[in-house]
Amino acid sequence: MSKYQELLSKIDTLKAQAEEERKKEIADVVADIKQKMAQYDLSPSDLGFSGAKAGKSSSKGKGSVAPKYRDPATGKTWTGRGRAPKWISEAESRGVKRDTFLI
């Protein structure tokens, strides 16, 4: 086996060991947090969690946007964000104002 392959094998082994240690430490940290929450009578909302699953970032600001424009011929919609769709670009090139497509 080449030196390079040996090093790659060692890296894989070390990554696996590091992940095992991480999992062990996480269990200790979680136990410590639970103990302190019980000791001080804290709830997840006291820590700033509002119904979101622990460890997951909030989806605030990542939701869908309501459509702002509608093509009366096809019913296709556009939020007004990003590049304008072909149907609205073509209409504007014919002199139709974008406001005529407002929902």
N, C-alpha and C. Protein backbone atom coordinates (compact mmCIF):
# COMPACT_ATOMS: atom_id res chain seq x y z
N MET A 1 0.86 -1.17 0.00
CA MET A 1 0.00 0.00 0.00
C MET A 1 0.90 1.23 0.00
N SER A 2 0.54 2.22 -0.81
CA SER A 2 1.35 3.43 -0.89
C SER A 2 1.19 4.28 0.36
N LYS A 3 2.14 5.14 0.55
CA LYS A 3 2.12 6.04 1.72
C LYS A 3 0.84 6.89 1.69
N TYR A 4 0.49 7.36 0.49
CA TYR A 4 -0.72 8.17 0.33
C TYR A 4 -1.96 7.39 0.77
N GLN A 5 -2.09 6.15 0.33
CA GLN A 5 -3.23 5.32 0.70
C GLN A 5 -3.26 5.06 2.20
N GLU A 6 -2.08 4.87 2.80
CA GLU A 6 -2.00 4.66 4.24
C GLU A 6 -2.52 5.89 4.99
N LEU A 7 -2.12 7.07 4.50
CA LEU A 7 -2.57 8.30 5.15
C LEU A 7 -4.09 8.47 5.02
N LEU A 8 -4.63 8.16 3.85
CA LEU A 8 -6.08 8.25 3.66
C LEU A 8 -6.80 7.28 4.61
N SER A 9 -6.25 6.10 4.77
CA SER A 9 -6.84 5.13 5.68
C SER A 9 -6.81 5.64 7.13
N LYS A 10 -5.70 6.24 7.50
CA LYS A 10 -5.58 6.81 8.86
C LYS A 10 -6.59 7.95 9.06
N ILE A 11 -6.75 8.75 8.02
CA ILE A 11 -7.72 9.85 8.09
C ILE A 11 -9.12 9.31 8.35
N ASP A 12 -9.50 8.28 7.60
CA ASP A 12 -10.82 7.67 7.78
C ASP A 12 -10.99 7.12 9.20
N THR A 13 -9.94 6.48 9.70
CA THR A 13 -9.98 5.92 11.05
C THR A 13 -10.14 7.03 12.08
N LEU A 14 -9.36 8.10 11.91
CA LEU A 14 -9.43 9.23 12.85
C LEU A 14 -10.79 9.93 12.79
N LYS A 15 -11.36 10.04 11.60
CA LYS A 15 -12.69 10.66 11.47
C LYS A 15 -13.73 9.84 12.23
N ALA A 16 -13.64 8.52 12.11
CA ALA A 16 -14.58 7.64 12.80
C ALA A 16 -14.41 7.77 14.31
N GLN A 17 -13.16 7.81 14.78
CA GLN A 17 -12.90 7.97 16.22
C GLN A 17 -13.41 9.32 16.71
N ALA A 18 -13.18 10.37 15.92
CA ALA A 18 -13.63 11.70 16.31
C ALA A 18 -15.15 11.74 16.43
N GLU A 19 -15.84 11.09 15.50
CA GLU A 19 -17.31 11.07 15.55
C GLU A 19 -17.81 10.32 16.78
N GLU A 20 -17.15 9.24 17.14
CA GLU A 20 -17.53 8.49 18.35
C GLU A 20 -17.36 9.37 19.59
N GLU A 21 -16.24 10.06 19.67
CA GLU A 21 -15.99 10.94 20.82
C GLU A 21 -16.99 12.08 20.86
N ARG A 22 -17.32 12.62 19.68
CA ARG A 22 -18.31 13.70 19.60
C ARG A 22 -19.64 13.24 20.17
N LYS A 23 -20.06 12.03 19.77
CA LYS A 23 -21.34 11.49 20.25
C LYS A 23 -21.32 11.30 21.76
N LYS A 24 -20.19 10.84 22.30
CA LYS A 24 -20.07 10.67 23.75
C LYS A 24 -20.18 12.02 24.45
N GLU A 25 -19.48 13.02 23.92
CA GLU A 25 -19.50 14.34 24.54
C GLU A 25 -20.89 14.97 24.44
N ILE A 26 -21.56 14.77 23.33
CA ILE A 26 -22.91 15.33 23.16
C ILE A 26 -23.84 14.76 24.22
N ALA A 27 -23.74 13.48 24.47
CA ALA A 27 -24.59 12.86 25.49
C ALA A 27 -24.35 13.51 26.85
N ASP A 28 -23.09 13.77 27.18
CA ASP A 28 -22.77 14.42 28.45
C ASP A 28 -23.30 15.85 28.50
N VAL A 29 -23.14 16.57 27.40
CA VAL A 29 -23.61 17.96 27.34
C VAL A 29 -25.13 18.01 27.49
N VAL A 30 -25.83 17.14 26.78
CA VAL A 30 -27.29 17.10 26.86
C VAL A 30 -27.74 16.78 28.29
N ALA A 31 -27.09 15.82 28.91
CA ALA A 31 -27.44 15.47 30.29
C ALA A 31 -27.21 16.66 31.22
N ASP A 32 -26.11 17.37 31.01
CA ASP A 32 -25.81 18.54 31.84
C ASP A 32 -26.86 19.64 31.63
N ILE A 33 -27.24 19.86 30.39
CA ILE A 33 -28.26 20.88 30.10
C ILE A 33 -29.59 20.50 30.74
N LYS A 34 -29.98 19.25 30.61
CA LYS A 34 -31.24 18.80 31.21
C LYS A 34 -31.22 18.97 32.72
N GLN A 35 -30.08 18.65 33.32
CA GLN A 35 -29.95 18.77 34.78
C GLN A 35 -30.08 20.23 35.20
N LYS A 36 -29.43 21.13 34.45
CA LYS A 36 -29.50 22.56 34.79
C LYS A 36 -30.90 23.12 34.54
N MET A 37 -31.56 22.66 33.49
CA MET A 37 -32.92 23.12 33.23
C MET A 37 -33.85 22.70 34.36
N ALA A 38 -33.68 21.48 34.85
CA ALA A 38 -34.50 21.01 35.97
C ALA A 38 -34.16 21.78 37.24
N GLN A 39 -32.89 22.00 37.46
CA GLN A 39 -32.44 22.71 38.67
C GLN A 39 -32.99 24.13 38.73
N TYR A 40 -33.02 24.82 37.59
CA TYR A 40 -33.47 26.21 37.56
C TYR A 40 -34.91 26.34 37.04
N ASP A 41 -35.59 25.22 36.86
CA ASP A 41 -36.97 25.21 36.39
C ASP A 41 -37.12 26.01 35.08
N LEU A 42 -36.29 25.68 34.11
CA LEU A 42 -36.31 26.36 32.82
C LEU A 42 -37.06 25.52 31.79
N SER A 43 -37.71 26.19 30.86
CA SER A 43 -38.39 25.51 29.76
C SER A 43 -37.67 25.87 28.46
N PRO A 44 -37.94 25.15 27.39
CA PRO A 44 -37.32 25.50 26.11
C PRO A 44 -37.62 26.94 25.69
N SER A 45 -38.81 27.44 26.00
CA SER A 45 -39.12 28.83 25.63
C SER A 45 -38.27 29.82 26.42
N ASP A 46 -37.85 29.45 27.65
CA ASP A 46 -36.95 30.32 28.41
C ASP A 46 -35.60 30.46 27.71
N LEU A 47 -35.26 29.46 26.91
CA LEU A 47 -33.98 29.46 26.20
C LEU A 47 -34.11 30.03 24.79
N GLY A 48 -35.30 30.48 24.43
CA GLY A 48 -35.49 31.09 23.12
C GLY A 48 -36.05 30.16 22.07
N PHE A 49 -36.40 28.93 22.45
CA PHE A 49 -37.00 28.00 21.50
C PHE A 49 -38.50 28.22 21.50
N SER A 50 -39.05 28.34 20.30
CA SER A 50 -40.49 28.60 20.22
C SER A 50 -41.18 27.55 19.36
N GLY A 51 -41.25 26.35 19.86
CA GLY A 51 -41.95 25.30 19.14
C GLY A 51 -41.11 24.64 18.07
N ALA A 52 -39.97 25.24 17.72
CA ALA A 52 -39.11 24.61 16.73
C ALA A 52 -38.36 23.46 17.38
N LYS A 53 -38.04 22.46 16.59
CA LYS A 53 -37.29 21.33 17.12
C LYS A 53 -35.91 21.80 17.52
N ALA A 54 -35.42 21.28 18.62
CA ALA A 54 -34.09 21.65 19.10
C ALA A 54 -33.06 21.27 18.05
N GLY A 55 -32.11 22.16 17.85
CA GLY A 55 -31.04 21.88 16.91
C GLY A 55 -31.37 22.25 15.48
N LYS A 56 -32.57 22.65 15.23
CA LYS A 56 -32.97 23.02 13.89
C LYS A 56 -33.15 24.53 13.85
N SER A 57 -32.69 25.14 12.78
CA SER A 57 -32.85 26.58 12.66
C SER A 57 -34.30 26.90 12.30
N SER A 58 -34.71 28.06 12.67
CA SER A 58 -36.07 28.50 12.41
C SER A 58 -36.26 28.73 10.92
N SER A 59 -37.44 28.48 10.42
CA SER A 59 -37.71 28.70 9.02
C SER A 59 -38.24 30.11 8.77
N LYS A 60 -38.15 30.97 9.77
CA LYS A 60 -38.62 32.35 9.64
C LYS A 60 -37.87 33.02 8.49
N GLY A 61 -38.63 33.63 7.60
CA GLY A 61 -38.03 34.30 6.48
C GLY A 61 -37.74 33.39 5.30
N LYS A 62 -38.03 32.13 5.40
CA LYS A 62 -37.75 31.19 4.32
C LYS A 62 -39.03 30.64 3.72
N GLY A 63 -40.16 31.20 4.08
CA GLY A 63 -41.42 30.68 3.60
C GLY A 63 -41.68 31.10 2.17
N SER A 64 -42.75 30.59 1.61
CA SER A 64 -43.09 30.95 0.25
C SER A 64 -43.70 32.35 0.23
N VAL A 65 -43.58 32.98 -0.91
CA VAL A 65 -44.07 34.33 -1.10
C VAL A 65 -45.33 34.27 -1.95
N ALA A 66 -46.32 35.02 -1.57
CA ALA A 66 -47.57 35.04 -2.32
C ALA A 66 -47.34 35.67 -3.70
N PRO A 67 -48.01 35.14 -4.71
CA PRO A 67 -47.85 35.72 -6.05
C PRO A 67 -48.39 37.14 -6.10
N LYS A 68 -47.75 37.95 -6.91
CA LYS A 68 -48.12 39.36 -7.03
C LYS A 68 -48.73 39.65 -8.40
N TYR A 69 -48.32 38.87 -9.41
CA TYR A 69 -48.79 39.09 -10.78
C TYR A 69 -49.38 37.80 -11.33
N ARG A 70 -50.41 37.94 -12.20
CA ARG A 70 -51.03 36.77 -12.83
C ARG A 70 -51.24 37.05 -14.32
N ASP A 71 -50.92 36.04 -15.12
CA ASP A 71 -51.15 36.11 -16.56
C ASP A 71 -52.61 35.71 -16.79
N PRO A 72 -53.46 36.62 -17.26
CA PRO A 72 -54.87 36.29 -17.44
C PRO A 72 -55.11 35.21 -18.50
N ALA A 73 -54.22 35.07 -19.44
CA ALA A 73 -54.40 34.08 -20.51
C ALA A 73 -54.14 32.66 -20.02
N THR A 74 -53.11 32.48 -19.22
CA THR A 74 -52.74 31.12 -18.80
C THR A 74 -52.97 30.86 -17.32
N GLY A 75 -53.12 31.91 -16.54
CA GLY A 75 -53.28 31.74 -15.10
C GLY A 75 -51.96 31.59 -14.36
N LYS A 76 -50.84 31.64 -15.08
CA LYS A 76 -49.54 31.54 -14.44
C LYS A 76 -49.31 32.77 -13.56
N THR A 77 -48.58 32.56 -12.46
CA THR A 77 -48.34 33.65 -11.52
C THR A 77 -46.84 33.88 -11.36
N TRP A 78 -46.53 35.05 -10.79
CA TRP A 78 -45.15 35.43 -10.49
C TRP A 78 -45.16 36.27 -9.22
N THR A 79 -44.18 36.04 -8.35
CA THR A 79 -44.12 36.75 -7.07
C THR A 79 -43.60 38.17 -7.21
N GLY A 80 -42.95 38.46 -8.31
CA GLY A 80 -42.34 39.78 -8.47
C GLY A 80 -40.88 39.77 -8.05
N ARG A 81 -40.40 38.60 -7.64
CA ARG A 81 -39.01 38.47 -7.24
C ARG A 81 -38.23 37.75 -8.33
N GLY A 82 -36.97 38.12 -8.46
CA GLY A 82 -36.13 37.47 -9.45
C GLY A 82 -36.43 37.95 -10.85
N ARG A 83 -35.91 37.23 -11.81
CA ARG A 83 -36.09 37.58 -13.22
C ARG A 83 -37.55 37.42 -13.62
N ALA A 84 -38.04 38.40 -14.37
CA ALA A 84 -39.44 38.36 -14.81
C ALA A 84 -39.65 37.20 -15.77
N PRO A 85 -40.80 36.51 -15.65
CA PRO A 85 -41.08 35.41 -16.57
C PRO A 85 -41.30 35.92 -18.00
N LYS A 86 -41.20 35.00 -18.92
CA LYS A 86 -41.31 35.35 -20.34
C LYS A 86 -42.62 36.04 -20.68
N TRP A 87 -43.72 35.56 -20.10
CA TRP A 87 -45.03 36.13 -20.44
C TRP A 87 -45.13 37.60 -20.05
N ILE A 88 -44.51 37.99 -18.95
CA ILE A 88 -44.60 39.39 -18.54
C ILE A 88 -43.59 40.24 -19.31
N SER A 89 -42.43 39.67 -19.63
CA SER A 89 -41.42 40.39 -20.41
C SER A 89 -41.94 40.69 -21.81
N GLU A 90 -42.58 39.69 -22.42
CA GLU A 90 -43.13 39.88 -23.76
C GLU A 90 -44.24 40.92 -23.76
N ALA A 91 -45.08 40.90 -22.75
CA ALA A 91 -46.17 41.88 -22.66
C ALA A 91 -45.60 43.29 -22.51
N GLU A 92 -44.57 43.42 -21.69
CA GLU A 92 -43.96 44.74 -21.49
C GLU A 92 -43.29 45.23 -22.77
N SER A 93 -42.74 44.32 -23.56
CA SER A 93 -42.11 44.73 -24.83
C SER A 93 -43.17 45.21 -25.83
N ARG A 94 -44.42 44.75 -25.65
CA ARG A 94 -45.53 45.22 -26.49
C ARG A 94 -46.14 46.50 -25.96
N GLY A 95 -45.63 47.01 -24.84
CA GLY A 95 -46.12 48.27 -24.30
C GLY A 95 -47.13 48.12 -23.17
N VAL A 96 -47.44 46.89 -22.76
CA VAL A 96 -48.38 46.66 -21.67
C VAL A 96 -47.64 46.91 -20.35
N LYS A 97 -48.28 47.68 -19.48
CA LYS A 97 -47.65 47.98 -18.19
C LYS A 97 -47.77 46.79 -17.25
N ARG A 98 -46.74 46.60 -16.45
CA ARG A 98 -46.70 45.47 -15.50
C ARG A 98 -47.85 45.56 -14.51
N ASP A 99 -48.27 46.75 -14.15
CA ASP A 99 -49.36 46.92 -13.18
C ASP A 99 -50.66 46.29 -13.63
N THR A 100 -50.85 46.08 -14.92
CA THR A 100 -52.09 45.49 -15.41
C THR A 100 -52.20 44.01 -14.99
N PHE A 101 -51.09 43.40 -14.60
CA PHE A 101 -51.08 41.99 -14.20
C PHE A 101 -51.16 41.81 -12.69
N LEU A 102 -51.25 42.90 -11.93
CA LEU A 102 -51.32 42.79 -10.47
C LEU A 102 -52.54 41.99 -10.03
N ILE A 103 -52.34 41.20 -9.01
CA ILE A 103 -53.45 40.40 -8.48
C ILE A 103 -54.19 41.24 -7.44
